[in-house]
Structures are given as C-alpha cells and as structure tokens.
Full PDB file with SEQRES, HELIX, SHEET, SSBOND, CRYST1, ORIGX, SCALE, CONECT and MASTER records, all heavy atoms in Angstrom:
SEQRES   1 A   37  PHE GLY ARG VAL LEU HIS GLU MET LEU GLY VAL PRO VAL          
SEQRES   2 A   37  GLY LEU ILE ASP ASN ALA TRP GLY GLY SER ALA CYS GLU          
SEQRES   3 A   37  ALA TRP VAL LYS ARG ASP VAL LEU GLU LYS ASP                  
HELIX    1 AA1 GLY A    2  LEU A    9  1                                   8    
HELIX    2 AA2 CYS A   25  TRP A   28  5                                   4    
HELIX    3 AA3 ARG A   31  GLU A   35  1                                   5    
CRYST1    1.000    1.000    1.000  90.00  90.00  90.00 P 1           1          
ORIGX1      1.000000  0.000000  0.000000        0.00000                         
ORIGX2      0.000000  1.000000  0.000000        0.00000                         
ORIGX3      0.000000  0.000000  1.000000        0.00000                         
SCALE1      1.000000  0.000000  0.000000        0.00000                         
SCALE2      0.000000  1.000000  0.000000        0.00000                         
SCALE3      0.000000  0.000000  1.000000        0.00000                         
ATOM      1  N   PHE A   1       6.083  -0.069 -11.340  1.00  0.00           N  
ATOM      2  CA  PHE A   1       6.905   0.633 -10.346  1.00  0.00           C  
ATOM      3  C   PHE A   1       8.070  -0.260  -9.911  1.00  0.00           C  
ATOM      4  O   PHE A   1       9.236   0.152  -9.929  1.00  0.00           O  
ATOM      5  CB  PHE A   1       6.042   1.023  -9.151  1.00  0.00           C  
ATOM      6  CG  PHE A   1       6.796   1.619  -7.993  1.00  0.00           C  
ATOM      7  CD1 PHE A   1       7.121   2.959  -7.966  1.00  0.00           C  
ATOM      8  CD2 PHE A   1       7.169   0.816  -6.912  1.00  0.00           C  
ATOM      9  CE1 PHE A   1       7.812   3.506  -6.886  1.00  0.00           C  
ATOM     10  CE2 PHE A   1       7.865   1.357  -5.835  1.00  0.00           C  
ATOM     11  CZ  PHE A   1       8.182   2.706  -5.824  1.00  0.00           C  
ATOM     12  N   GLY A   2       7.743  -1.491  -9.544  1.00  0.00           N  
ATOM     13  CA  GLY A   2       8.787  -2.420  -9.105  1.00  0.00           C  
ATOM     14  C   GLY A   2       9.756  -2.786 -10.211  1.00  0.00           C  
ATOM     15  O   GLY A   2      10.956  -2.941  -9.974  1.00  0.00           O  
ATOM     16  N   ARG A   3       9.233  -2.912 -11.432  1.00  0.00           N  
ATOM     17  CA  ARG A   3      10.101  -3.240 -12.575  1.00  0.00           C  
ATOM     18  C   ARG A   3      11.139  -2.148 -12.796  1.00  0.00           C  
ATOM     19  O   ARG A   3      12.326  -2.435 -13.021  1.00  0.00           O  
ATOM     20  CB  ARG A   3       9.245  -3.420 -13.829  1.00  0.00           C  
ATOM     21  CG  ARG A   3      10.054  -3.636 -15.106  1.00  0.00           C  
ATOM     22  CD  ARG A   3       9.160  -3.621 -16.334  1.00  0.00           C  
ATOM     23  NE  ARG A   3       8.374  -2.405 -16.445  1.00  0.00           N  
ATOM     24  CZ  ARG A   3       8.844  -1.229 -16.871  1.00  0.00           C  
ATOM     25  NH1 ARG A   3      10.128  -1.104 -17.200  1.00  0.00           N  
ATOM     26  NH2 ARG A   3       8.052  -0.178 -16.960  1.00  0.00           N  
ATOM     27  N   VAL A   4      10.716  -0.882 -12.732  1.00  0.00           N  
ATOM     28  CA  VAL A   4      11.657   0.224 -12.930  1.00  0.00           C  
ATOM     29  C   VAL A   4      12.737   0.198 -11.848  1.00  0.00           C  
ATOM     30  O   VAL A   4      13.928   0.342 -12.137  1.00  0.00           O  
ATOM     31  CB  VAL A   4      10.925   1.582 -12.926  1.00  0.00           C  
ATOM     32  CG1 VAL A   4      11.928   2.730 -12.929  1.00  0.00           C  
ATOM     33  CG2 VAL A   4      10.012   1.693 -14.150  1.00  0.00           C  
ATOM     34  N   LEU A   5      12.327  -0.003 -10.596  1.00  0.00           N  
ATOM     35  CA  LEU A   5      13.319  -0.063  -9.510  1.00  0.00           C  
ATOM     36  C   LEU A   5      14.296  -1.208  -9.732  1.00  0.00           C  
ATOM     37  O   LEU A   5      15.509  -1.045  -9.563  1.00  0.00           O  
ATOM     38  CB  LEU A   5      12.622  -0.228  -8.159  1.00  0.00           C  
ATOM     39  CG  LEU A   5      11.703   0.890  -7.665  1.00  0.00           C  
ATOM     40  CD1 LEU A   5      11.306   0.625  -6.217  1.00  0.00           C  
ATOM     41  CD2 LEU A   5      12.355   2.257  -7.789  1.00  0.00           C  
ATOM     42  N   HIS A   6      13.767  -2.352 -10.092  1.00  0.00           N  
ATOM     43  CA  HIS A   6      14.622  -3.530 -10.300  1.00  0.00           C  
ATOM     44  C   HIS A   6      15.634  -3.287 -11.416  1.00  0.00           C  
ATOM     45  O   HIS A   6      16.826  -3.591 -11.272  1.00  0.00           O  
ATOM     46  CB  HIS A   6      13.744  -4.738 -10.624  1.00  0.00           C  
ATOM     47  CG  HIS A   6      14.499  -5.971 -10.975  1.00  0.00           C  
ATOM     48  ND1 HIS A   6      15.421  -6.560 -10.132  1.00  0.00           N  
ATOM     49  CD2 HIS A   6      14.498  -6.735 -12.103  1.00  0.00           C  
ATOM     50  CE1 HIS A   6      15.935  -7.625 -10.706  1.00  0.00           C  
ATOM     51  NE2 HIS A   6      15.396  -7.753 -11.912  1.00  0.00           N  
ATOM     52  N   GLU A   7      15.180  -2.718 -12.514  1.00  0.00           N  
ATOM     53  CA  GLU A   7      16.066  -2.499 -13.652  1.00  0.00           C  
ATOM     54  C   GLU A   7      17.063  -1.366 -13.399  1.00  0.00           C  
ATOM     55  O   GLU A   7      18.203  -1.422 -13.861  1.00  0.00           O  
ATOM     56  CB  GLU A   7      15.236  -2.219 -14.904  1.00  0.00           C  
ATOM     57  CG  GLU A   7      14.422  -3.430 -15.358  1.00  0.00           C  
ATOM     58  CD  GLU A   7      13.602  -3.166 -16.612  1.00  0.00           C  
ATOM     59  OE1 GLU A   7      13.170  -2.011 -16.815  1.00  0.00           O  
ATOM     60  OE2 GLU A   7      13.388  -4.100 -17.391  1.00  0.00           O  
ATOM     61  N   MET A   8      16.643  -0.352 -12.666  1.00  0.00           N  
ATOM     62  CA  MET A   8      17.530   0.783 -12.385  1.00  0.00           C  
ATOM     63  C   MET A   8      18.532   0.474 -11.286  1.00  0.00           C  
ATOM     64  O   MET A   8      19.691   0.895 -11.348  1.00  0.00           O  
ATOM     65  CB  MET A   8      16.706   2.007 -11.995  1.00  0.00           C  
ATOM     66  CG  MET A   8      15.886   2.613 -13.125  1.00  0.00           C  
ATOM     67  SD  MET A   8      16.885   3.572 -14.288  1.00  0.00           S  
ATOM     68  CE  MET A   8      17.251   5.047 -13.332  1.00  0.00           C  
ATOM     69  N   LEU A   9      18.093  -0.254 -10.263  1.00  0.00           N  
ATOM     70  CA  LEU A   9      18.943  -0.493  -9.094  1.00  0.00           C  
ATOM     71  C   LEU A   9      19.698  -1.815  -9.169  1.00  0.00           C  
ATOM     72  O   LEU A   9      20.703  -2.000  -8.476  1.00  0.00           O  
ATOM     73  CB  LEU A   9      18.097  -0.466  -7.813  1.00  0.00           C  
ATOM     74  CG  LEU A   9      17.273   0.804  -7.560  1.00  0.00           C  
ATOM     75  CD1 LEU A   9      16.397   0.624  -6.336  1.00  0.00           C  
ATOM     76  CD2 LEU A   9      18.181   2.012  -7.402  1.00  0.00           C  
ATOM     77  N   GLY A  10      19.195  -2.741  -9.958  1.00  0.00           N  
ATOM     78  CA  GLY A  10      19.848  -4.041 -10.077  1.00  0.00           C  
ATOM     79  C   GLY A  10      19.760  -4.890  -8.830  1.00  0.00           C  
ATOM     80  O   GLY A  10      20.662  -5.688  -8.554  1.00  0.00           O  
ATOM     81  N   VAL A  11      18.669  -4.735  -8.054  1.00  0.00           N  
ATOM     82  CA  VAL A  11      18.483  -5.532  -6.840  1.00  0.00           C  
ATOM     83  C   VAL A  11      17.111  -6.194  -6.889  1.00  0.00           C  
ATOM     84  O   VAL A  11      16.211  -5.752  -7.609  1.00  0.00           O  
ATOM     85  CB  VAL A  11      18.598  -4.666  -5.565  1.00  0.00           C  
ATOM     86  CG1 VAL A  11      19.968  -3.999  -5.493  1.00  0.00           C  
ATOM     87  CG2 VAL A  11      17.481  -3.629  -5.498  1.00  0.00           C  
ATOM     88  N   PRO A  12      16.909  -7.254  -6.104  1.00  0.00           N  
ATOM     89  CA  PRO A  12      15.587  -7.876  -6.032  1.00  0.00           C  
ATOM     90  C   PRO A  12      14.544  -6.893  -5.498  1.00  0.00           C  
ATOM     91  O   PRO A  12      14.862  -5.964  -4.735  1.00  0.00           O  
ATOM     92  CB  PRO A  12      15.797  -9.036  -5.049  1.00  0.00           C  
ATOM     93  CG  PRO A  12      17.254  -9.357  -5.149  1.00  0.00           C  
ATOM     94  CD  PRO A  12      17.925  -8.024  -5.346  1.00  0.00           C  
ATOM     95  N   VAL A  13      13.305  -7.095  -5.889  1.00  0.00           N  
ATOM     96  CA  VAL A  13      12.194  -6.235  -5.450  1.00  0.00           C  
ATOM     97  C   VAL A  13      11.021  -7.107  -5.035  1.00  0.00           C  
ATOM     98  O   VAL A  13      10.635  -8.038  -5.758  1.00  0.00           O  
ATOM     99  CB  VAL A  13      11.758  -5.270  -6.571  1.00  0.00           C  
ATOM    100  CG1 VAL A  13      10.482  -4.533  -6.183  1.00  0.00           C  
ATOM    101  CG2 VAL A  13      12.869  -4.264  -6.875  1.00  0.00           C  
ATOM    102  N   GLY A  14      10.461  -6.824  -3.870  1.00  0.00           N  
ATOM    103  CA  GLY A  14       9.260  -7.513  -3.402  1.00  0.00           C  
ATOM    104  C   GLY A  14       8.085  -6.556  -3.402  1.00  0.00           C  
ATOM    105  O   GLY A  14       8.197  -5.417  -2.918  1.00  0.00           O  
ATOM    106  N   LEU A  15       6.949  -6.974  -3.947  1.00  0.00           N  
ATOM    107  CA  LEU A  15       5.767  -6.126  -4.065  1.00  0.00           C  
ATOM    108  C   LEU A  15       4.578  -6.787  -3.372  1.00  0.00           C  
ATOM    109  O   LEU A  15       4.241  -7.936  -3.666  1.00  0.00           O  
ATOM    110  CB  LEU A  15       5.438  -5.885  -5.539  1.00  0.00           C  
ATOM    111  CG  LEU A  15       6.539  -5.211  -6.367  1.00  0.00           C  
ATOM    112  CD1 LEU A  15       6.177  -5.240  -7.846  1.00  0.00           C  
ATOM    113  CD2 LEU A  15       6.771  -3.772  -5.897  1.00  0.00           C  
ATOM    114  N   ILE A  16       3.957  -6.050  -2.459  1.00  0.00           N  
ATOM    115  CA  ILE A  16       2.805  -6.542  -1.702  1.00  0.00           C  
ATOM    116  C   ILE A  16       1.570  -5.782  -2.181  1.00  0.00           C  
ATOM    117  O   ILE A  16       1.447  -4.571  -1.959  1.00  0.00           O  
ATOM    118  CB  ILE A  16       2.991  -6.335  -0.191  1.00  0.00           C  
ATOM    119  CG1 ILE A  16       4.279  -7.027   0.283  1.00  0.00           C  
ATOM    120  CG2 ILE A  16       1.775  -6.841   0.574  1.00  0.00           C  
ATOM    121  CD1 ILE A  16       4.695  -6.646   1.691  1.00  0.00           C  
ATOM    122  N   ASP A  17       0.664  -6.449  -2.848  1.00  0.00           N  
ATOM    123  CA  ASP A  17      -0.541  -5.829  -3.410  1.00  0.00           C  
ATOM    124  C   ASP A  17      -1.717  -6.063  -2.469  1.00  0.00           C  
ATOM    125  O   ASP A  17      -2.149  -7.198  -2.266  1.00  0.00           O  
ATOM    126  CB  ASP A  17      -0.825  -6.441  -4.787  1.00  0.00           C  
ATOM    127  CG  ASP A  17      -2.133  -5.948  -5.408  1.00  0.00           C  
ATOM    128  OD1 ASP A  17      -2.714  -4.979  -4.882  1.00  0.00           O  
ATOM    129  OD2 ASP A  17      -2.561  -6.532  -6.418  1.00  0.00           O  
ATOM    130  N   ASN A  18      -2.246  -4.979  -1.884  1.00  0.00           N  
ATOM    131  CA  ASN A  18      -3.429  -5.137  -1.027  1.00  0.00           C  
ATOM    132  C   ASN A  18      -4.562  -4.195  -1.432  1.00  0.00           C  
ATOM    133  O   ASN A  18      -5.472  -3.920  -0.649  1.00  0.00           O  
ATOM    134  CB  ASN A  18      -3.064  -4.939   0.455  1.00  0.00           C  
ATOM    135  CG  ASN A  18      -2.670  -3.497   0.775  1.00  0.00           C  
ATOM    136  OD1 ASN A  18      -2.833  -2.597  -0.040  1.00  0.00           O  
ATOM    137  ND2 ASN A  18      -2.156  -3.268   1.972  1.00  0.00           N  
ATOM    138  N   ALA A  19      -4.545  -3.689  -2.678  1.00  0.00           N  
ATOM    139  CA  ALA A  19      -5.550  -2.731  -3.138  1.00  0.00           C  
ATOM    140  C   ALA A  19      -6.942  -3.364  -3.187  1.00  0.00           C  
ATOM    141  O   ALA A  19      -7.092  -4.549  -3.450  1.00  0.00           O  
ATOM    142  CB  ALA A  19      -5.166  -2.200  -4.517  1.00  0.00           C  
ATOM    143  N   TRP A  20      -7.953  -2.511  -2.951  1.00  0.00           N  
ATOM    144  CA  TRP A  20      -9.343  -2.963  -3.006  1.00  0.00           C  
ATOM    145  C   TRP A  20     -10.153  -1.895  -3.729  1.00  0.00           C  
ATOM    146  O   TRP A  20     -10.269  -0.757  -3.273  1.00  0.00           O  
ATOM    147  CB  TRP A  20      -9.882  -3.200  -1.599  1.00  0.00           C  
ATOM    148  CG  TRP A  20     -11.244  -3.844  -1.559  1.00  0.00           C  
ATOM    149  CD1 TRP A  20     -12.228  -3.775  -2.489  1.00  0.00           C  
ATOM    150  CD2 TRP A  20     -11.777  -4.654  -0.499  1.00  0.00           C  
ATOM    151  NE1 TRP A  20     -13.328  -4.486  -2.109  1.00  0.00           N  
ATOM    152  CE2 TRP A  20     -13.078  -5.044  -0.887  1.00  0.00           C  
ATOM    153  CE3 TRP A  20     -11.280  -5.086   0.722  1.00  0.00           C  
ATOM    154  CZ2 TRP A  20     -13.893  -5.844  -0.072  1.00  0.00           C  
ATOM    155  CZ3 TRP A  20     -12.092  -5.879   1.515  1.00  0.00           C  
ATOM    156  CH2 TRP A  20     -13.372  -6.251   1.126  1.00  0.00           C  
ATOM    157  N   GLY A  21     -10.733  -2.252  -4.865  1.00  0.00           N  
ATOM    158  CA  GLY A  21     -11.490  -1.300  -5.667  1.00  0.00           C  
ATOM    159  C   GLY A  21     -12.620  -0.637  -4.892  1.00  0.00           C  
ATOM    160  O   GLY A  21     -13.358  -1.294  -4.162  1.00  0.00           O  
ATOM    161  N   GLY A  22     -12.755   0.679  -5.076  1.00  0.00           N  
ATOM    162  CA  GLY A  22     -13.834   1.430  -4.435  1.00  0.00           C  
ATOM    163  C   GLY A  22     -13.617   1.727  -2.972  1.00  0.00           C  
ATOM    164  O   GLY A  22     -14.490   2.292  -2.303  1.00  0.00           O  
ATOM    165  N   SER A  23     -12.468   1.365  -2.419  1.00  0.00           N  
ATOM    166  CA  SER A  23     -12.255   1.531  -0.983  1.00  0.00           C  
ATOM    167  C   SER A  23     -12.162   2.995  -0.581  1.00  0.00           C  
ATOM    168  O   SER A  23     -11.617   3.829  -1.295  1.00  0.00           O  
ATOM    169  CB  SER A  23     -11.006   0.776  -0.525  1.00  0.00           C  
ATOM    170  OG  SER A  23      -9.853   1.239  -1.189  1.00  0.00           O  
ATOM    171  N   ALA A  24     -12.721   3.292   0.578  1.00  0.00           N  
ATOM    172  CA  ALA A  24     -12.664   4.637   1.150  1.00  0.00           C  
ATOM    173  C   ALA A  24     -11.481   4.730   2.101  1.00  0.00           C  
ATOM    174  O   ALA A  24     -11.081   3.741   2.720  1.00  0.00           O  
ATOM    175  CB  ALA A  24     -13.958   4.946   1.897  1.00  0.00           C  
ATOM    176  N   CYS A  25     -10.946   5.916   2.232  1.00  0.00           N  
ATOM    177  CA  CYS A  25      -9.754   6.112   3.064  1.00  0.00           C  
ATOM    178  C   CYS A  25      -9.989   5.675   4.504  1.00  0.00           C  
ATOM    179  O   CYS A  25      -9.128   5.056   5.133  1.00  0.00           O  
ATOM    180  CB  CYS A  25      -9.348   7.586   3.005  1.00  0.00           C  
ATOM    181  SG  CYS A  25      -7.777   7.961   3.799  1.00  0.00           S  
ATOM    182  N   GLU A  26     -11.178   5.976   5.039  1.00  0.00           N  
ATOM    183  CA  GLU A  26     -11.460   5.657   6.435  1.00  0.00           C  
ATOM    184  C   GLU A  26     -11.479   4.158   6.712  1.00  0.00           C  
ATOM    185  O   GLU A  26     -11.301   3.723   7.855  1.00  0.00           O  
ATOM    186  CB  GLU A  26     -12.788   6.277   6.889  1.00  0.00           C  
ATOM    187  CG  GLU A  26     -13.996   5.897   6.049  1.00  0.00           C  
ATOM    188  CD  GLU A  26     -14.268   6.876   4.920  1.00  0.00           C  
ATOM    189  OE1 GLU A  26     -13.307   7.525   4.446  1.00  0.00           O  
ATOM    190  OE2 GLU A  26     -15.444   6.983   4.513  1.00  0.00           O  
ATOM    191  N   ALA A  27     -11.682   3.346   5.677  1.00  0.00           N  
ATOM    192  CA  ALA A  27     -11.671   1.897   5.865  1.00  0.00           C  
ATOM    193  C   ALA A  27     -10.271   1.371   6.145  1.00  0.00           C  
ATOM    194  O   ALA A  27     -10.113   0.275   6.687  1.00  0.00           O  
ATOM    195  CB  ALA A  27     -12.250   1.205   4.630  1.00  0.00           C  
ATOM    196  N   TRP A  28      -9.250   2.153   5.790  1.00  0.00           N  
ATOM    197  CA  TRP A  28      -7.859   1.747   5.967  1.00  0.00           C  
ATOM    198  C   TRP A  28      -7.283   2.172   7.322  1.00  0.00           C  
ATOM    199  O   TRP A  28      -6.102   1.987   7.581  1.00  0.00           O  
ATOM    200  CB  TRP A  28      -6.996   2.333   4.854  1.00  0.00           C  
ATOM    201  CG  TRP A  28      -7.288   1.772   3.500  1.00  0.00           C  
ATOM    202  CD1 TRP A  28      -8.086   2.313   2.533  1.00  0.00           C  
ATOM    203  CD2 TRP A  28      -6.795   0.550   2.943  1.00  0.00           C  
ATOM    204  NE1 TRP A  28      -8.116   1.511   1.417  1.00  0.00           N  
ATOM    205  CE2 TRP A  28      -7.328   0.419   1.646  1.00  0.00           C  
ATOM    206  CE3 TRP A  28      -5.941  -0.455   3.423  1.00  0.00           C  
ATOM    207  CZ2 TRP A  28      -7.040  -0.666   0.824  1.00  0.00           C  
ATOM    208  CZ3 TRP A  28      -5.658  -1.535   2.599  1.00  0.00           C  
ATOM    209  CH2 TRP A  28      -6.209  -1.636   1.310  1.00  0.00           C  
ATOM    210  N   VAL A  29      -8.134   2.766   8.174  1.00  0.00           N  
ATOM    211  CA  VAL A  29      -7.691   3.240   9.494  1.00  0.00           C  
ATOM    212  C   VAL A  29      -8.354   2.391  10.575  1.00  0.00           C  
ATOM    213  O   VAL A  29      -9.540   2.050  10.482  1.00  0.00           O  
ATOM    214  CB  VAL A  29      -8.066   4.721   9.696  1.00  0.00           C  
ATOM    215  CG1 VAL A  29      -7.620   5.202  11.077  1.00  0.00           C  
ATOM    216  CG2 VAL A  29      -7.447   5.583   8.604  1.00  0.00           C  
ATOM    217  N   LYS A  30      -7.593   2.050  11.595  1.00  0.00           N  
ATOM    218  CA  LYS A  30      -8.134   1.255  12.702  1.00  0.00           C  
ATOM    219  C   LYS A  30      -9.339   1.972  13.309  1.00  0.00           C  
ATOM    220  O   LYS A  30      -9.297   3.178  13.568  1.00  0.00           O  
ATOM    221  CB  LYS A  30      -7.042   1.047  13.758  1.00  0.00           C  
ATOM    222  CG  LYS A  30      -7.387  -0.008  14.801  1.00  0.00           C  
ATOM    223  CD  LYS A  30      -6.220  -0.214  15.766  1.00  0.00           C  
ATOM    224  CE  LYS A  30      -6.554  -1.295  16.787  1.00  0.00           C  
ATOM    225  NZ  LYS A  30      -5.463  -1.463  17.780  1.00  0.00           N  
ATOM    226  N   ARG A  31     -10.412   1.238  13.523  1.00  0.00           N  
ATOM    227  CA  ARG A  31     -11.686   1.829  13.918  1.00  0.00           C  
ATOM    228  C   ARG A  31     -11.570   2.670  15.190  1.00  0.00           C  
ATOM    229  O   ARG A  31     -12.034   3.817  15.238  1.00  0.00           O  
ATOM    230  CB  ARG A  31     -12.729   0.719  14.098  1.00  0.00           C  
ATOM    231  CG  ARG A  31     -14.115   1.170  14.567  1.00  0.00           C  
ATOM    232  CD  ARG A  31     -14.852   1.978  13.537  1.00  0.00           C  
ATOM    233  NE  ARG A  31     -16.195   2.322  13.988  1.00  0.00           N  
ATOM    234  CZ  ARG A  31     -17.311   1.750  13.529  1.00  0.00           C  
ATOM    235  NH1 ARG A  31     -17.243   0.804  12.605  1.00  0.00           N  
ATOM    236  NH2 ARG A  31     -18.490   2.135  13.988  1.00  0.00           N  
ATOM    237  N   ASP A  32     -10.984   2.129  16.249  1.00  0.00           N  
ATOM    238  CA  ASP A  32     -10.950   2.878  17.507  1.00  0.00           C  
ATOM    239  C   ASP A  32     -10.063   4.114  17.415  1.00  0.00           C  
ATOM    240  O   ASP A  32     -10.298   5.111  18.104  1.00  0.00           O  
ATOM    241  CB  ASP A  32     -10.529   1.980  18.671  1.00  0.00           C  
ATOM    242  CG  ASP A  32      -9.127   1.413  18.533  1.00  0.00           C  
ATOM    243  OD1 ASP A  32      -8.544   1.522  17.445  1.00  0.00           O  
ATOM    244  OD2 ASP A  32      -8.590   0.867  19.523  1.00  0.00           O  
ATOM    245  N   VAL A  33      -9.046   4.074  16.565  1.00  0.00           N  
ATOM    246  CA  VAL A  33      -8.190   5.255  16.365  1.00  0.00           C  
ATOM    247  C   VAL A  33      -8.989   6.370  15.692  1.00  0.00           C  
ATOM    248  O   VAL A  33      -8.892   7.541  16.067  1.00  0.00           O  
ATOM    249  CB  VAL A  33      -6.960   4.883  15.503  1.00  0.00           C  
ATOM    250  CG1 VAL A  33      -6.171   6.125  15.112  1.00  0.00           C  
ATOM    251  CG2 VAL A  33      -6.065   3.906  16.266  1.00  0.00           C  
ATOM    252  N   LEU A  34      -9.798   6.003  14.739  1.00  0.00           N  
ATOM    253  CA  LEU A  34     -10.634   6.973  14.034  1.00  0.00           C  
ATOM    254  C   LEU A  34     -11.690   7.556  14.977  1.00  0.00           C  
ATOM    255  O   LEU A  34     -11.969   8.761  14.960  1.00  0.00           O  
ATOM    256  CB  LEU A  34     -11.310   6.290  12.851  1.00  0.00           C  
ATOM    257  CG  LEU A  34     -11.796   7.172  11.696  1.00  0.00           C  
ATOM    258  CD1 LEU A  34     -10.631   7.856  10.995  1.00  0.00           C  
ATOM    259  CD2 LEU A  34     -12.579   6.334  10.694  1.00  0.00           C  
ATOM    260  N   GLU A  35     -12.245   6.696  15.820  1.00  0.00           N  
ATOM    261  CA  GLU A  35     -13.311   7.123  16.732  1.00  0.00           C  
ATOM    262  C   GLU A  35     -12.821   8.132  17.764  1.00  0.00           C  
ATOM    263  O   GLU A  35     -13.602   8.972  18.242  1.00  0.00           O  
ATOM    264  CB  GLU A  35     -13.904   5.911  17.441  1.00  0.00           C  
ATOM    265  CG  GLU A  35     -14.754   5.039  16.540  1.00  0.00           C  
ATOM    266  CD  GLU A  35     -15.299   3.814  17.250  1.00  0.00           C  
ATOM    267  OE1 GLU A  35     -14.676   3.371  18.244  1.00  0.00           O  
ATOM    268  OE2 GLU A  35     -16.336   3.303  16.808  1.00  0.00           O  
ATOM    269  N   LYS A  36     -11.555   8.081  18.099  1.00  0.00           N  
ATOM    270  CA  LYS A  36     -11.020   8.968  19.134  1.00  0.00           C  
ATOM    271  C   LYS A  36     -10.736  10.378  18.629  1.00  0.00           C  
ATOM    272  O   LYS A  36     -10.497  11.280  19.436  1.00  0.00           O  
ATOM    273  CB  LYS A  36      -9.740   8.364  19.718  1.00  0.00           C  
ATOM    274  CG  LYS A  36      -9.966   7.103  20.528  1.00  0.00           C  
ATOM    275  CD  LYS A  36      -8.643   6.473  20.961  1.00  0.00           C  
ATOM    276  CE  LYS A  36      -8.860   5.159  21.695  1.00  0.00           C  
ATOM    277  NZ  LYS A  36      -7.577   4.495  22.038  1.00  0.00           N  
ATOM    278  N   ASP A  37     -10.735  10.580  17.323  1.00  0.00           N  
ATOM    279  CA  ASP A  37     -10.409  11.900  16.767  1.00  0.00           C  
ATOM    280  C   ASP A  37     -11.689  12.638  16.402  1.00  0.00           C  
ATOM    281  O   ASP A  37     -12.443  12.200  15.526  1.00  0.00           O  
ATOM    282  CB  ASP A  37      -9.523  11.749  15.528  1.00  0.00           C  
ATOM    283  CG  ASP A  37      -8.832  13.043  15.147  1.00  0.00           C  
ATOM    284  OD1 ASP A  37      -9.536  14.057  14.996  1.00  0.00           O  
ATOM    285  OD2 ASP A  37      -7.597  13.045  15.003  1.00  0.00           O  
TER     286      ASP A  37                                                      
MASTER        0    0    0    3    0    0    0    6  285    1    0    3          
END                                                                             
C-alpha cells in the first residue's frame, strides 16, 4: 500500500504496523467506552 502511494505521489511515506493476529474488534476499543454502550 505504502509503496504504491510513494511511487504514484512521489513523496515520502511513513507506515505504522500495529496488527495482531487473531485479534477481535472489541480488543481495539477502550474498555470503559465499550462498557458504557
């Protein structure tokens, strides 16, 4: 994804990888925010 942007746009690209295999969506939400809904 970043390579295509870099080559098409001609600008630097920064990529932050924070993926975690098997992760559930609810793990990515702040606990107390989830609890209030």
